[in-house]
Amino acid sequence: MRLKDKVAIITGAGQGIGAAYARKFCEVGAKVVVADINQEKAEAVVKKVTEKGHEALAIMTDVSDEASTQALVHTVVERYGRIDILVNNAAIFATIETKPMEEISVEEWDGLMGVNLRGLFLCCKAILPQMKAQKQGKIINVSSATVFMGKPYYIHYVTSKAGVIGFTRALAREVGDWNIQVNCLTPGYTETEIPRGTTTSEQKKAIIGHQCIKRIGTPEDLFGIMVFLASDESDFMSGQTVNVDGGDNLH
């Protein structure tokens, strides 16, 4: 019960890795807020964890919209009185079509940045007054191991995730005086229930072949580091980027 009675908001937790984080945080004692733009999926996650006796709350949230992120924080504080953990997991990724840079429209670029970077900014902006008042908080930003490899045909995604690392470092410097730790996780290829048409079976084999650990990653492989970063065990750690990709990128 390493997160017993901690209040955690996880964005983009209606499916995929975010939903797995929500289930794990509940298992280790947290009260989890599943924040997702898809209310139906968020409620499905909450239903599963509450059936097991855990406490969770679904809140429809568009992280790219300031009013929506402010409403999220207001609702959580009104319900629980505090917020201990924010996991900025929401991102556009699975729906991306790989293409050369010159074929990416301005609209596609702006739409992705609106979620992957503006969403990060708005969630932190909304939550910081509460964490500063508490003089305590954990912010975990989810980037991607693609930043280290410079993966081609994903330039808008890779750029957005590189921005997450810079944002993490700058924010960690700003909020340390309030005992708020800000760290970043860079997962590698992680298989979930979400179909990903952009990765062929041959590409999966190539990924496995390049890794030190010869298998595809699962959400369970990320649980240990995520719980650590959310727990009191990481109180003397801030501004750091932790790479978990089976030894694909030696960072």
Foldseek 3Di string as FASTA:
>chain_A
DQCAAAEEEEEPCLFFLNLVLQLLNQVVHYQYEYEYQDQVSQVVSQVVNVVVVGHYHYANADLLDLVRLLVVQVVSCVVRVAHAEYELDDFDDQPDDQDAPVPQDPVNLVVRLSRLPSSLVSNCVNRVVRLLVVLHHFYEYEAAPCLLVVDHSCVSNNVSSVVSLVVQQVVQVVRVVSLYAGEYEHEYAEDTPRDHPNADPVNLCVLLVQAPHRDHHYSVQVNVVVSCRSGPVCSVDHSYYHYHYRRNRDD
